[in-house]
């Protein structure tokens, strides 16, 4: 089995002034510090997919979807062995652009672990709870460890505080998340290879 693990960090927000790029870059640093991890950020701004309106559902499609952004997105998901989704909480849920990106893919998500980093109202917990349900339906393994940050983190970053200082209290939780994610990555990668 190939020891290298491909971990994709997905930015779940595309709005101007978003915060998600900051914890994504921070998580990427932590992931790249781990041996045998090849990590990259997938920014949904770079995959401008239309709202899902295909005749065939992703789980039953007879051929790949033709839209260039959808095809590129699907190929990136296929490369991944594991995922970290950075998801703000909007109105007790997660962003529509993220749901659309999740819905365009099916087999490429199957039997792979996913972790969540969230922030905002209620520490982003309601966003993550909804995402866990979607992940199960996509036949993914949502890991237990998640990283939840209060709105105060966004305020501090918005005032210009260094992001490493703002996120310093979360280093231990990030390490725990990565350890658990990679355990599941190895287990599921071995199972998929059988």
C-alpha atoms as a PDB file:
ATOM      1  CA  UNK A   1       0.000   0.000   0.000  1.00  0.00           C
ATOM      2  CA  UNK A   2       1.197   3.515  -0.839  1.00  0.00           C
ATOM      3  CA  UNK A   3       2.146   5.167   2.459  1.00  0.00           C
ATOM      4  CA  UNK A   4       1.546   8.696   1.132  1.00  0.00           C
ATOM      5  CA  UNK A   5      -1.856  10.092   2.146  1.00  0.00           C
ATOM      6  CA  UNK A   6      -3.573  12.784   0.114  1.00  0.00           C
ATOM      7  CA  UNK A   7      -5.526  15.144   2.358  1.00  0.00           C
ATOM      8  CA  UNK A   8      -7.678  17.863   0.812  1.00  0.00           C
ATOM      9  CA  UNK A   9      -8.576  20.913   2.909  1.00  0.00           C
ATOM     10  CA  UNK A  10     -11.815  22.330   1.517  1.00  0.00           C
ATOM     11  CA  UNK A  11     -12.755  25.984   1.943  1.00  0.00           C
ATOM     12  CA  UNK A  12     -16.495  25.912   2.518  1.00  0.00           C
ATOM     13  CA  UNK A  13     -17.092  29.622   1.934  1.00  0.00           C
ATOM     14  CA  UNK A  14     -16.627  31.777  -1.149  1.00  0.00           C
ATOM     15  CA  UNK A  15     -17.862  35.140   0.118  1.00  0.00           C
ATOM     16  CA  UNK A  16     -15.750  38.300   0.108  1.00  0.00           C
ATOM     17  CA  UNK A  17     -14.068  38.854   3.446  1.00  0.00           C
ATOM     18  CA  UNK A  18     -14.386  35.214   4.460  1.00  0.00           C
ATOM     19  CA  UNK A  19     -12.463  33.851   7.432  1.00  0.00           C
ATOM     20  CA  UNK A  20     -12.174  30.233   6.230  1.00  0.00           C
ATOM     21  CA  UNK A  21      -8.946  30.795   4.300  1.00  0.00           C
ATOM     22  CA  UNK A  22      -7.118  31.539   7.579  1.00  0.00           C
ATOM     23  CA  UNK A  23      -7.841  28.293   9.475  1.00  0.00           C
ATOM     24  CA  UNK A  24      -7.432  26.403   6.175  1.00  0.00           C
ATOM     25  CA  UNK A  25      -3.876  27.704   5.692  1.00  0.00           C
ATOM     26  CA  UNK A  26      -3.170  26.997   9.369  1.00  0.00           C
ATOM     27  CA  UNK A  27      -4.469  23.420   9.109  1.00  0.00           C
ATOM     28  CA  UNK A  28      -2.450  22.954   5.919  1.00  0.00           C
ATOM     29  CA  UNK A  29       0.743  23.873   7.812  1.00  0.00           C
ATOM     30  CA  UNK A  30      -0.032  21.304  10.509  1.00  0.00           C
ATOM     31  CA  UNK A  31      -0.844  18.609   7.952  1.00  0.00           C
ATOM     32  CA  UNK A  32       2.305  19.255   5.921  1.00  0.00           C
ATOM     33  CA  UNK A  33       4.381  18.824   9.081  1.00  0.00           C
ATOM     34  CA  UNK A  34       3.262  15.181   9.277  1.00  0.00           C
ATOM     35  CA  UNK A  35       5.307  12.514   7.539  1.00  0.00           C
ATOM     36  CA  UNK A  36       3.749  10.897   4.453  1.00  0.00           C
ATOM     37  CA  UNK A  37       1.013  13.506   4.091  1.00  0.00           C
ATOM     38  CA  UNK A  38       0.476  15.354   0.834  1.00  0.00           C
ATOM     39  CA  UNK A  39      -2.006  18.121   1.679  1.00  0.00           C
ATOM     40  CA  UNK A  40      -3.515  20.872  -0.424  1.00  0.00           C
ATOM     41  CA  UNK A  41      -6.288  23.433  -0.205  1.00  0.00           C
ATOM     42  CA  UNK A  42      -9.306  23.165  -2.482  1.00  0.00           C
ATOM     43  CA  UNK A  43     -10.900  26.604  -2.743  1.00  0.00           C
ATOM     44  CA  UNK A  44     -14.480  26.504  -4.010  1.00  0.00           C
ATOM     45  CA  UNK A  45     -13.865  29.893  -5.638  1.00  0.00           C
ATOM     46  CA  UNK A  46     -11.674  28.015  -8.124  1.00  0.00           C
ATOM     47  CA  UNK A  47     -14.515  25.600  -8.977  1.00  0.00           C
ATOM     48  CA  UNK A  48     -17.452  27.834 -10.016  1.00  0.00           C
ATOM     49  CA  UNK A  49     -20.048  25.091 -10.337  1.00  0.00           C
ATOM     50  CA  UNK A  50     -23.637  25.899 -11.281  1.00  0.00           C
ATOM     51  CA  UNK A  51     -26.373  24.847  -8.890  1.00  0.00           C
ATOM     52  CA  UNK A  52     -26.893  21.122  -9.240  1.00  0.00           C
ATOM     53  CA  UNK A  53     -29.546  20.443 -11.875  1.00  0.00           C
ATOM     54  CA  UNK A  54     -28.264  17.335 -13.657  1.00  0.00           C
ATOM     55  CA  UNK A  55     -30.795  14.806 -14.919  1.00  0.00           C
ATOM     56  CA  UNK A  56     -28.908  11.873 -13.382  1.00  0.00           C
ATOM     57  CA  UNK A  57     -27.956  11.859  -9.718  1.00  0.00           C
ATOM     58  CA  UNK A  58     -24.241  11.526  -8.879  1.00  0.00           C
ATOM     59  CA  UNK A  59     -24.684   8.044  -7.409  1.00  0.00           C
ATOM     60  CA  UNK A  60     -26.329   6.730 -10.583  1.00  0.00           C
ATOM     61  CA  UNK A  61     -24.730   8.729 -13.369  1.00  0.00           C
ATOM     62  CA  UNK A  62     -23.811   6.762 -16.489  1.00  0.00           C
ATOM     63  CA  UNK A  63     -21.049   9.167 -17.543  1.00  0.00           C
ATOM     64  CA  UNK A  64     -19.095  12.000 -15.901  1.00  0.00           C
ATOM     65  CA  UNK A  65     -20.710  15.416 -15.740  1.00  0.00           C
ATOM     66  CA  UNK A  66     -19.403  17.643 -18.516  1.00  0.00           C
ATOM     67  CA  UNK A  67     -19.234  21.078 -16.883  1.00  0.00           C
ATOM     68  CA  UNK A  68     -15.482  21.892 -16.701  1.00  0.00           C
ATOM     69  CA  UNK A  69     -15.565  23.094 -13.071  1.00  0.00           C
ATOM     70  CA  UNK A  70     -17.535  20.024 -11.992  1.00  0.00           C
ATOM     71  CA  UNK A  71     -15.146  17.691 -13.827  1.00  0.00           C
ATOM     72  CA  UNK A  72     -12.106  19.382 -12.260  1.00  0.00           C
ATOM     73  CA  UNK A  73     -13.709  19.291  -8.793  1.00  0.00           C
ATOM     74  CA  UNK A  74     -14.635  15.616  -9.118  1.00  0.00           C
ATOM     75  CA  UNK A  75     -11.082  14.738 -10.194  1.00  0.00           C
ATOM     76  CA  UNK A  76      -9.647  16.513  -7.141  1.00  0.00           C
ATOM     77  CA  UNK A  77     -12.019  14.674  -4.813  1.00  0.00           C
ATOM     78  CA  UNK A  78     -11.056  11.365  -6.463  1.00  0.00           C
ATOM     79  CA  UNK A  79      -7.388  12.113  -5.643  1.00  0.00           C
ATOM     80  CA  UNK A  80      -8.112  12.576  -1.946  1.00  0.00           C
ATOM     81  CA  UNK A  81      -7.729   9.910   0.708  1.00  0.00           C
ATOM     82  CA  UNK A  82      -9.170  12.193   3.402  1.00  0.00           C
ATOM     83  CA  UNK A  83     -10.754  15.614   3.772  1.00  0.00           C
ATOM     84  CA  UNK A  84     -10.847  18.510   6.211  1.00  0.00           C
ATOM     85  CA  UNK A  85     -13.808  20.786   5.588  1.00  0.00           C
ATOM     86  CA  UNK A  86     -13.600  24.358   6.868  1.00  0.00           C
ATOM     87  CA  UNK A  87     -17.222  25.376   7.383  1.00  0.00           C
ATOM     88  CA  UNK A  88     -18.684  28.547   8.836  1.00  0.00           C
ATOM     89  CA  UNK A  89     -22.137  28.478  10.346  1.00  0.00           C
ATOM     90  CA  UNK A  90     -24.735  30.478   8.435  1.00  0.00           C
ATOM     91  CA  UNK A  91     -28.235  30.661   9.961  1.00  0.00           C
ATOM     92  CA  UNK A  92     -27.851  27.407  11.925  1.00  0.00           C
ATOM     93  CA  UNK A  93     -26.372  25.594   8.927  1.00  0.00           C
ATOM     94  CA  UNK A  94     -23.509  25.524   6.475  1.00  0.00           C
ATOM     95  CA  UNK A  95     -23.100  27.494   3.227  1.00  0.00           C
ATOM     96  CA  UNK A  96     -25.108  26.588   0.120  1.00  0.00           C
ATOM     97  CA  UNK A  97     -21.966  26.624  -2.035  1.00  0.00           C
ATOM     98  CA  UNK A  98     -20.556  23.821   0.121  1.00  0.00           C
ATOM     99  CA  UNK A  99     -23.738  21.725  -0.140  1.00  0.00           C
ATOM    100  CA  UNK A 100     -23.661  22.137  -3.908  1.00  0.00           C
ATOM    101  CA  UNK A 101     -20.020  20.982  -4.042  1.00  0.00           C
ATOM    102  CA  UNK A 102     -20.805  17.962  -1.871  1.00  0.00           C
ATOM    103  CA  UNK A 103     -23.835  17.037  -3.983  1.00  0.00           C
ATOM    104  CA  UNK A 104     -22.015  16.968  -7.321  1.00  0.00           C
ATOM    105  CA  UNK A 105     -19.842  14.027  -6.253  1.00  0.00           C
ATOM    106  CA  UNK A 106     -20.652  10.581  -4.905  1.00  0.00           C
ATOM    107  CA  UNK A 107     -18.396   7.571  -5.570  1.00  0.00           C
ATOM    108  CA  UNK A 108     -15.303   9.726  -5.160  1.00  0.00           C
ATOM    109  CA  UNK A 109     -16.332  10.537  -1.562  1.00  0.00           C
ATOM    110  CA  UNK A 110     -17.140   6.928  -0.641  1.00  0.00           C
ATOM    111  CA  UNK A 111     -15.204   5.152   2.122  1.00  0.00           C
ATOM    112  CA  UNK A 112     -13.004   8.130   2.982  1.00  0.00           C
ATOM    113  CA  UNK A 113     -12.759  10.010   6.295  1.00  0.00           C
ATOM    114  CA  UNK A 114     -13.681  13.641   6.801  1.00  0.00           C
ATOM    115  CA  UNK A 115     -12.957  16.079   9.625  1.00  0.00           C
ATOM    116  CA  UNK A 116     -14.539  19.443  10.292  1.00  0.00           C
ATOM    117  CA  UNK A 117     -13.245  22.831  11.381  1.00  0.00           C
ATOM    118  CA  UNK A 118     -16.037  25.285  12.076  1.00  0.00           C
ATOM    119  CA  UNK A 119     -16.637  28.671  13.596  1.00  0.00           C
ATOM    120  CA  UNK A 120     -19.310  31.247  14.266  1.00  0.00           C
ATOM    121  CA  UNK A 121     -22.534  31.082  16.229  1.00  0.00           C
ATOM    122  CA  UNK A 122     -22.610  28.184  18.702  1.00  0.00           C
ATOM    123  CA  UNK A 123     -18.958  27.518  17.734  1.00  0.00           C
ATOM    124  CA  UNK A 124     -20.165  26.266  14.358  1.00  0.00           C
ATOM    125  CA  UNK A 125     -21.519  23.126  16.038  1.00  0.00           C
ATOM    126  CA  UNK A 126     -24.870  23.161  14.197  1.00  0.00           C
ATOM    127  CA  UNK A 127     -23.094  23.456  10.859  1.00  0.00           C
ATOM    128  CA  UNK A 128     -20.926  20.434  11.687  1.00  0.00           C
ATOM    129  CA  UNK A 129     -23.850  18.347  12.923  1.00  0.00           C
ATOM    130  CA  UNK A 130     -25.623  18.834   9.594  1.00  0.00           C
ATOM    131  CA  UNK A 131     -22.434  18.109   7.648  1.00  0.00           C
ATOM    132  CA  UNK A 132     -21.937  14.848   9.560  1.00  0.00           C
ATOM    133  CA  UNK A 133     -25.361  13.634   8.391  1.00  0.00           C
ATOM    134  CA  UNK A 134     -24.544  14.516   4.774  1.00  0.00           C
ATOM    135  CA  UNK A 135     -21.146  12.809   5.043  1.00  0.00           C
ATOM    136  CA  UNK A 136     -22.769   9.572   6.213  1.00  0.00           C
ATOM    137  CA  UNK A 137     -25.141   9.636   3.236  1.00  0.00           C
ATOM    138  CA  UNK A 138     -22.106  10.105   0.961  1.00  0.00           C
ATOM    139  CA  UNK A 139     -20.666   6.931   2.561  1.00  0.00           C
ATOM    140  CA  UNK A 140     -17.879   8.877   4.218  1.00  0.00           C
ATOM    141  CA  UNK A 141     -16.568   8.422   7.747  1.00  0.00           C
ATOM    142  CA  UNK A 142     -16.960  11.645   9.738  1.00  0.00           C
ATOM    143  CA  UNK A 143     -14.445  11.457  12.576  1.00  0.00           C
ATOM    144  CA  UNK A 144     -15.372  12.373  16.122  1.00  0.00           C
ATOM    145  CA  UNK A 145     -12.738  15.069  16.679  1.00  0.00           C
ATOM    146  CA  UNK A 146     -13.643  18.469  15.301  1.00  0.00           C
ATOM    147  CA  UNK A 147     -12.329  21.951  15.856  1.00  0.00           C
ATOM    148  CA  UNK A 148     -14.938  24.510  16.925  1.00  0.00           C
ATOM    149  CA  UNK A 149     -14.087  28.197  17.293  1.00  0.00           C
ATOM    150  CA  UNK A 150     -16.193  31.034  18.723  1.00  0.00           C
ATOM    151  CA  UNK A 151     -17.102  34.210  16.907  1.00  0.00           C
ATOM    152  CA  UNK A 152     -14.472  36.006  19.015  1.00  0.00           C
ATOM    153  CA  UNK A 153     -11.772  34.357  16.873  1.00  0.00           C
ATOM    154  CA  UNK A 154     -13.191  36.024  13.767  1.00  0.00           C
ATOM    155  CA  UNK A 155     -13.346  39.373  15.548  1.00  0.00           C
ATOM    156  CA  UNK A 156      -9.715  39.097  16.693  1.00  0.00           C
ATOM    157  CA  UNK A 157      -8.542  38.163  13.189  1.00  0.00           C
ATOM    158  CA  UNK A 158     -10.618  41.008  11.756  1.00  0.00           C
ATOM    159  CA  UNK A 159      -8.833  43.458  14.053  1.00  0.00           C
ATOM    160  CA  UNK A 160      -5.521  42.386  12.566  1.00  0.00           C
ATOM    161  CA  UNK A 161      -4.222  40.043  15.268  1.00  0.00           C
ATOM    162  CA  UNK A 162      -1.751  37.511  13.869  1.00  0.00           C
ATOM    163  CA  UNK A 163      -3.639  34.360  12.921  1.00  0.00           C
ATOM    164  CA  UNK A 164      -1.055  32.086  14.569  1.00  0.00           C
ATOM    165  CA  UNK A 165      -1.639  33.947  17.845  1.00  0.00           C
ATOM    166  CA  UNK A 166      -5.419  33.843  17.432  1.00  0.00           C
ATOM    167  CA  UNK A 167      -5.392  30.098  16.729  1.00  0.00           C
ATOM    168  CA  UNK A 168      -2.666  29.165  19.250  1.00  0.00           C
ATOM    169  CA  UNK A 169      -5.212  27.879  21.816  1.00  0.00           C
ATOM    170  CA  UNK A 170      -6.408  25.340  19.224  1.00  0.00           C
ATOM    171  CA  UNK A 171      -3.086  23.679  18.363  1.00  0.00           C
ATOM    172  CA  UNK A 172      -3.703  20.686  20.649  1.00  0.00           C
ATOM    173  CA  UNK A 173      -7.167  20.132  19.215  1.00  0.00           C
ATOM    174  CA  UNK A 174      -5.832  20.410  15.669  1.00  0.00           C
ATOM    175  CA  UNK A 175      -3.193  17.781  16.434  1.00  0.00           C
ATOM    176  CA  UNK A 176      -5.824  15.472  17.909  1.00  0.00           C
ATOM    177  CA  UNK A 177      -8.018  15.944  14.854  1.00  0.00           C
ATOM    178  CA  UNK A 178      -5.131  15.181  12.492  1.00  0.00           C
ATOM    179  CA  UNK A 179      -4.079  12.091  14.450  1.00  0.00           C
ATOM    180  CA  UNK A 180      -7.604  10.670  14.365  1.00  0.00           C
ATOM    181  CA  UNK A 181      -8.137  11.632  10.710  1.00  0.00           C
ATOM    182  CA  UNK A 182      -4.931   9.895   9.620  1.00  0.00           C
ATOM    183  CA  UNK A 183      -5.758   6.741  11.604  1.00  0.00           C
ATOM    184  CA  UNK A 184      -9.018   6.487   9.662  1.00  0.00           C
ATOM    185  CA  UNK A 185      -7.240   7.459   6.454  1.00  0.00           C
ATOM    186  CA  UNK A 186      -4.841   4.535   6.786  1.00  0.00           C
ATOM    187  CA  UNK A 187      -7.563   2.082   7.815  1.00  0.00           C
ATOM    188  CA  UNK A 188      -9.939   3.014   5.004  1.00  0.00           C
ATOM    189  CA  UNK A 189      -7.200   3.284   2.391  1.00  0.00           C
ATOM    190  CA  UNK A 190      -6.116  -0.282   3.235  1.00  0.00           C
ATOM    191  CA  UNK A 191      -9.719  -1.478   3.075  1.00  0.00           C
ATOM    192  CA  UNK A 192     -10.298   0.202  -0.307  1.00  0.00           C
ATOM    193  CA  UNK A 193      -7.148  -1.491  -1.664  1.00  0.00           C
ATOM    194  CA  UNK A 194      -8.472  -4.987  -0.852  1.00  0.00           C
END
